[in-house]
Amino acid sequence: MSSVKFGNINFSSPILVASGTYGYGHETASMVDVNGIGGIVTKSVTRHPREGNPPPRIAETTSGMLNSIGLANVGVNEYCKSKLPYLNKLNTKIIINIAGTAVEDYVETLQILETAGGNHVGYEINISCPNVKEGGMSFGVSAKMTESLTAELRKYTSKLLIMKLSPNVTSIEEIALGAENGGADAVSAINTLVGMGIDIKTRKMKINTTFGGLSGPAIKPVALANIYKVFKAVRIPIIGLGGISCVEDVIEFILAGADLVQIGTLNYKEPGIAIRLGHELDNYCKNNNLSSIHDLKGLAEPH
């Protein structure tokens, strides 16, 4: 009922789990049958290993959380050696999130992954991380740089190429158009908002880096607005994320113009939430005589 064709790929469910919130895909294997998820977007991988930012780098907020992990990861060579073999065994779609600090970083990482024998269906390109001091964010705030990076990466893969957009920009529509013009198959939106917290007892910042990325239910209205703006601006598909916590949220994102959605912060509270919401979405389709949830795409109307 809720299966969706995205590009030339069939996803059993339109509900995926977001990068950075499900690790490399194997961490929840003892708790959840990950094959029941529409797809897993693995945590960001970079050309070389990164230790990330020093702690504290996570803080709970009202209806959400701040994080400043700093793209900690094992690096692409170790990823191919120790992570891909497990991912290749899964009966769900795998999308690999790639981050970098320069065009060459992104290209080299993608080239290594392309020759690693992975069964992944595509790449989500992180150009929108607000909690590293250098790199991707500079691409994410410039439509011209986004278009240039997308066009360069397009040369090296026929798999899905998805550019992940930041809400911390003047016009997300222009960035989305840059991705589309560069040859992206889709965009995903939104990444986290820039946020901050202060411990009133110690009077110190709750995050070592002062600023971090705000995620969780608190950002859902911002995410919806950005999805709607992007939907009105581009022709390529959209993956919506930002604060989704229930099946009603999923439906709202699809009505706003999303083709697929990703669950992020709520995975920490309920690792199997993507599976549960997939079942609830099937029931919604049956109860409303919908052949597919995709029938609702972009049907939200202004007053």
Protein backbone atom coordinates (compact mmCIF):
# COMPACT_ATOMS: atom_id res chain seq x y z
CA MET A 1 0.00 0.00 0.00
CA SER A 2 2.59 2.55 1.05
CA SER A 3 5.38 1.40 -1.28
CA VAL A 4 6.84 4.19 -3.39
CA LYS A 5 8.89 4.33 -6.58
CA PHE A 6 11.60 6.92 -6.17
CA GLY A 7 13.57 7.55 -9.32
CA ASN A 8 14.06 4.02 -10.67
CA ILE A 9 14.11 2.43 -7.19
CA ASN A 10 11.16 0.80 -5.42
CA PHE A 11 11.05 1.47 -1.69
CA SER A 12 8.84 -0.90 0.30
CA SER A 13 7.88 2.02 2.53
CA PRO A 14 8.27 5.78 2.12
CA ILE A 15 9.70 5.96 5.64
CA LEU A 16 13.49 5.86 5.96
CA VAL A 17 15.78 6.49 8.93
CA ALA A 18 17.95 9.58 8.81
CA SER A 19 21.70 9.82 8.67
CA GLY A 20 23.41 10.10 12.03
CA THR A 21 20.49 8.65 13.96
CA TYR A 22 20.86 4.97 13.04
CA GLY A 23 24.63 4.64 13.01
CA TYR A 24 25.97 2.41 10.28
CA GLY A 25 22.80 0.31 10.26
CA HIS A 26 23.93 -2.57 12.48
CA GLU A 27 23.79 -0.92 15.91
CA THR A 28 20.06 -1.62 16.36
CA ALA A 29 20.09 -5.15 14.91
CA SER A 30 19.39 -6.72 18.31
CA MET A 31 16.36 -4.47 18.88
CA VAL A 32 14.74 -4.02 15.46
CA ASP A 33 14.33 -6.03 12.26
CA VAL A 34 15.87 -3.34 10.06
CA ASN A 35 14.61 -5.16 6.96
CA GLY A 36 11.18 -3.75 7.84
CA ILE A 37 12.37 -0.19 7.29
CA GLY A 38 11.91 1.47 3.91
CA GLY A 39 15.57 2.37 3.87
CA ILE A 40 18.56 3.30 5.98
CA VAL A 41 20.61 6.43 5.38
CA THR A 42 23.90 5.61 7.06
CA LYS A 43 25.82 8.13 9.14
CA SER A 44 28.12 10.47 7.25
CA VAL A 45 31.32 8.99 5.91
CA THR A 46 34.32 11.14 4.96
CA ARG A 47 37.49 10.55 2.98
CA HIS A 48 39.54 10.17 6.17
CA PRO A 49 38.53 9.14 9.72
CA ARG A 50 37.25 11.87 12.03
CA GLU A 51 37.11 11.85 15.81
CA GLY A 52 34.47 14.55 15.78
CA ASN A 53 33.98 17.31 18.31
CA PRO A 54 34.94 16.94 22.00
CA PRO A 55 32.15 16.31 24.54
CA PRO A 56 29.73 17.43 25.67
CA ARG A 57 28.22 17.21 22.21
CA ILE A 58 24.59 16.24 22.83
CA ALA A 59 22.03 18.09 24.95
CA GLU A 60 18.30 17.54 25.34
CA THR A 61 15.99 20.46 24.65
CA THR A 62 12.25 21.04 24.89
CA SER A 63 10.78 18.77 22.19
CA GLY A 64 14.15 18.01 20.69
CA MET A 65 17.90 17.85 21.06
CA LEU A 66 21.08 19.72 20.24
CA ASN A 67 23.98 17.82 18.75
CA SER A 68 27.47 18.73 17.71
CA ILE A 69 28.96 15.36 16.88
CA GLY A 70 31.20 16.84 14.22
CA LEU A 71 30.87 14.04 11.65
CA ALA A 72 32.76 11.48 13.71
CA ASN A 73 33.26 8.40 11.52
CA VAL A 74 35.69 5.62 10.58
CA GLY A 75 36.62 7.02 7.16
CA VAL A 76 35.66 5.58 3.78
CA ASN A 77 38.33 2.87 3.56
CA GLU A 78 37.37 1.31 6.89
CA TYR A 79 33.69 1.83 6.02
CA CYS A 80 34.11 -0.28 2.89
CA LYS A 81 36.03 -2.92 4.81
CA SER A 82 33.93 -3.32 7.94
CA LYS A 83 30.50 -1.76 7.30
CA LEU A 84 29.52 -2.48 3.70
CA PRO A 85 29.62 -6.31 4.04
CA TYR A 86 26.92 -6.15 6.73
CA LEU A 87 24.85 -3.60 4.82
CA ASN A 88 25.02 -5.77 1.68
CA LYS A 89 23.18 -8.55 3.54
CA LEU A 90 20.18 -6.40 4.44
CA ASN A 91 16.89 -6.62 2.58
CA THR A 92 16.25 -2.90 2.68
CA LYS A 93 17.48 0.02 0.64
CA ILE A 94 20.77 1.58 1.73
CA ILE A 95 21.71 5.19 1.01
CA ILE A 96 25.21 6.30 2.03
CA ASN A 97 25.60 9.82 3.37
CA ILE A 98 28.85 11.48 2.27
CA ALA A 99 30.42 14.59 3.83
CA GLY A 100 33.56 16.51 2.94
CA THR A 101 35.52 19.73 3.25
CA ALA A 102 36.34 20.21 -0.44
CA VAL A 103 35.10 19.00 -3.81
CA GLU A 104 37.99 16.56 -3.98
CA ASP A 105 36.98 14.98 -0.67
CA TYR A 106 33.44 14.29 -1.87
CA VAL A 107 34.62 12.98 -5.25
CA GLU A 108 37.30 10.68 -3.85
CA THR A 109 34.94 9.27 -1.22
CA LEU A 110 32.26 8.59 -3.82
CA GLN A 111 34.75 7.00 -6.22
CA ILE A 112 35.99 4.62 -3.51
CA LEU A 113 32.42 3.65 -2.63
CA GLU A 114 31.56 3.12 -6.29
CA THR A 115 34.28 0.46 -6.62
CA ALA A 116 33.63 -1.23 -3.26
CA GLY A 117 30.98 -3.69 -4.42
CA GLY A 118 28.18 -2.23 -2.32
CA ASN A 119 24.50 -2.90 -2.92
CA HIS A 120 23.53 0.62 -1.88
CA VAL A 121 21.08 2.40 -4.14
CA GLY A 122 22.40 5.91 -3.77
CA TYR A 123 24.18 8.70 -1.96
CA GLU A 124 22.94 11.54 0.18
CA ILE A 125 25.44 14.39 -0.01
CA ASN A 126 25.78 16.34 3.22
CA ILE A 127 26.31 19.97 2.26
CA SER A 128 24.38 21.28 5.24
CA CYS A 129 25.99 20.24 8.53
CA PRO A 130 25.97 23.17 10.99
CA ASN A 131 28.32 21.69 13.59
CA VAL A 132 31.68 21.41 11.87
CA LYS A 133 34.04 24.34 11.55
CA GLU A 134 34.92 23.70 7.94
CA GLY A 135 33.54 22.10 4.86
CA GLY A 136 30.08 21.19 3.65
CA MET A 137 28.13 24.12 4.99
CA SER A 138 29.93 26.48 2.58
CA PHE A 139 28.47 24.49 -0.31
CA GLY A 140 25.04 24.42 1.28
CA VAL A 141 24.63 28.18 1.45
CA SER A 142 25.54 28.81 -2.22
CA ALA A 143 23.34 27.77 -5.12
CA LYS A 144 26.27 28.09 -7.52
CA MET A 145 28.57 25.92 -5.40
CA THR A 146 25.80 23.37 -4.88
CA GLU A 147 25.25 23.14 -8.62
CA SER A 148 28.98 22.79 -9.28
CA LEU A 149 29.48 20.06 -6.66
CA THR A 150 26.40 18.18 -7.83
CA ALA A 151 27.53 18.29 -11.46
CA GLU A 152 30.99 17.01 -10.51
CA LEU A 153 29.61 14.10 -8.47
CA ARG A 154 27.11 13.26 -11.20
CA LYS A 155 30.03 12.32 -13.47
CA TYR A 156 31.01 9.41 -11.26
CA THR A 157 27.78 7.60 -10.40
CA SER A 158 24.53 6.42 -11.93
CA LYS A 159 23.09 5.68 -8.48
CA LEU A 160 20.63 8.04 -6.81
CA LEU A 161 22.30 11.37 -6.06
CA ILE A 162 20.50 13.26 -3.30
CA MET A 163 21.66 16.66 -2.05
CA LYS A 164 20.82 17.36 1.60
CA LEU A 165 19.74 20.96 2.11
CA SER A 166 20.16 23.31 5.05
CA PRO A 167 17.39 25.51 6.48
CA ASN A 168 20.05 27.99 7.62
CA VAL A 169 19.98 29.90 4.32
CA THR A 170 18.20 32.90 2.84
CA SER A 171 16.48 30.95 0.06
CA ILE A 172 16.35 27.17 0.20
CA GLU A 173 14.55 27.22 -3.15
CA GLU A 174 17.64 28.63 -4.89
CA ILE A 175 19.86 25.95 -3.36
CA ALA A 176 17.39 23.25 -4.45
CA LEU A 177 17.38 24.63 -7.98
CA GLY A 178 21.18 24.56 -7.96
CA ALA A 179 21.06 20.87 -7.07
CA GLU A 180 18.47 20.18 -9.78
CA ASN A 181 20.45 22.07 -12.41
CA GLY A 182 23.57 20.16 -11.41
CA GLY A 183 21.90 16.83 -12.13
CA ALA A 184 20.70 15.67 -8.71
CA ASP A 185 18.05 12.97 -8.72
CA ALA A 186 16.48 14.42 -5.57
CA VAL A 187 16.97 16.68 -2.59
CA SER A 188 16.45 15.94 1.09
CA ALA A 189 15.38 18.67 3.52
CA ILE A 190 15.89 19.79 6.12
CA ASN A 191 19.06 19.32 8.07
CA THR A 192 19.23 20.70 11.60
CA LEU A 193 18.75 24.32 12.62
CA VAL A 194 21.52 26.17 14.41
CA GLY A 195 20.83 26.23 18.15
CA MET A 196 22.42 26.79 21.56
CA GLY A 197 21.83 25.90 25.21
CA ILE A 198 23.18 27.25 28.52
CA ASP A 199 23.45 25.46 31.86
CA ILE A 200 22.21 28.04 34.36
CA LYS A 201 24.02 26.32 37.25
CA THR A 202 27.48 26.30 35.72
CA ARG A 203 26.77 29.17 33.28
CA LYS A 204 28.56 27.20 30.62
CA MET A 205 27.30 26.29 27.19
CA LYS A 206 25.63 22.88 27.07
CA ILE A 207 27.58 22.04 23.91
CA ASN A 208 31.37 22.20 23.75
CA THR A 209 31.28 23.98 20.40
CA THR A 210 28.72 26.53 21.71
CA PHE A 211 26.42 26.04 18.73
CA GLY A 212 24.91 22.77 17.61
CA GLY A 213 22.22 21.38 15.37
CA LEU A 214 18.66 21.49 16.71
CA SER A 215 16.44 18.56 15.74
CA GLY A 216 13.28 16.88 16.95
CA PRO A 217 9.55 17.73 16.97
CA ALA A 218 10.26 21.40 17.70
CA ILE A 219 11.53 21.99 14.16
CA LYS A 220 8.67 20.30 12.27
CA PRO A 221 6.84 23.52 11.26
CA VAL A 222 10.10 24.94 9.87
CA ALA A 223 10.75 21.71 7.98
CA LEU A 224 7.23 21.65 6.50
CA ALA A 225 7.55 25.23 5.30
CA ASN A 226 10.84 24.47 3.60
CA ILE A 227 9.50 21.31 1.95
CA TYR A 228 6.58 23.28 0.53
CA LYS A 229 8.92 26.01 -0.78
CA VAL A 230 11.17 23.44 -2.46
CA PHE A 231 8.20 21.55 -3.91
CA LYS A 232 7.00 24.74 -5.60
CA ALA A 233 10.48 25.43 -7.01
CA VAL A 234 11.81 22.13 -8.43
CA ARG A 235 10.64 19.17 -10.48
CA ILE A 236 12.86 16.51 -8.90
CA PRO A 237 11.64 14.37 -5.97
CA ILE A 238 11.98 15.46 -2.35
CA ILE A 239 12.79 13.55 0.83
CA GLY A 240 11.30 15.35 3.82
CA LEU A 241 12.66 15.27 7.34
CA GLY A 242 12.62 17.36 10.48
CA GLY A 243 10.68 16.56 13.62
CA ILE A 244 8.52 13.68 12.36
CA SER A 245 7.14 11.72 15.31
CA CYS A 246 3.77 10.26 14.24
CA VAL A 247 1.91 9.08 11.17
CA GLU A 248 0.05 12.39 10.93
CA ASP A 249 3.41 14.11 10.54
CA VAL A 250 4.33 11.76 7.69
CA ILE A 251 1.08 12.58 5.89
CA GLU A 252 1.64 16.31 6.37
CA PHE A 253 5.07 16.08 4.74
CA ILE A 254 3.66 14.21 1.77
CA LEU A 255 0.85 16.72 1.41
CA ALA A 256 3.49 19.47 1.44
CA GLY A 257 5.31 17.83 -1.47
CA ALA A 258 7.61 15.11 -0.13
CA ASP A 259 7.94 11.74 -1.88
CA LEU A 260 9.74 9.99 0.97
CA VAL A 261 10.40 10.96 4.58
CA GLN A 262 13.14 10.27 7.09
CA ILE A 263 12.79 9.75 10.84
CA GLY A 264 15.64 11.22 12.85
CA THR A 265 15.65 12.17 16.52
CA LEU A 266 12.72 9.92 17.46
CA ASN A 267 14.84 6.88 16.59
CA TYR A 268 16.67 7.43 19.87
CA LYS A 269 13.42 7.13 21.79
CA GLU A 270 11.92 4.29 19.73
CA PRO A 271 14.35 2.48 17.40
CA GLY A 272 11.49 0.73 15.61
CA ILE A 273 9.38 3.83 14.98
CA ALA A 274 9.91 3.74 11.19
CA ILE A 275 8.43 0.23 11.05
CA ARG A 276 5.48 1.14 13.27
CA LEU A 277 4.68 4.26 11.27
CA GLY A 278 4.92 2.26 8.05
CA HIS A 279 2.17 -0.06 9.30
CA GLU A 280 0.08 2.91 10.42
CA LEU A 281 0.52 4.49 7.00
CA ASP A 282 -0.72 1.30 5.33
CA ASN A 283 -3.82 1.40 7.55
CA TYR A 284 -4.37 5.05 6.67
CA CYS A 285 -4.28 4.22 2.95
CA LYS A 286 -6.74 1.36 3.39
CA ASN A 287 -9.12 3.41 5.50
CA ASN A 288 -9.06 6.28 3.01
CA ASN A 289 -9.26 4.19 -0.17
CA LEU A 290 -5.85 5.29 -1.42
CA SER A 291 -3.99 3.01 -3.82
CA SER A 292 -0.76 4.67 -2.70
CA ILE A 293 0.21 7.32 -0.18
CA HIS A 294 1.90 9.03 -3.13
CA ASP A 295 -1.59 9.99 -4.34
CA LEU A 296 -1.51 12.71 -1.67
CA LYS A 297 1.76 14.29 -2.80
CA GLY A 298 1.59 18.07 -2.91
CA LEU A 299 -2.16 18.30 -2.39
CA ALA A 300 -1.95 20.83 0.47
CA GLU A 301 -3.92 23.94 -0.44
CA PRO A 302 -3.64 27.48 0.92
CA HIS A 303 -6.73 29.16 2.29
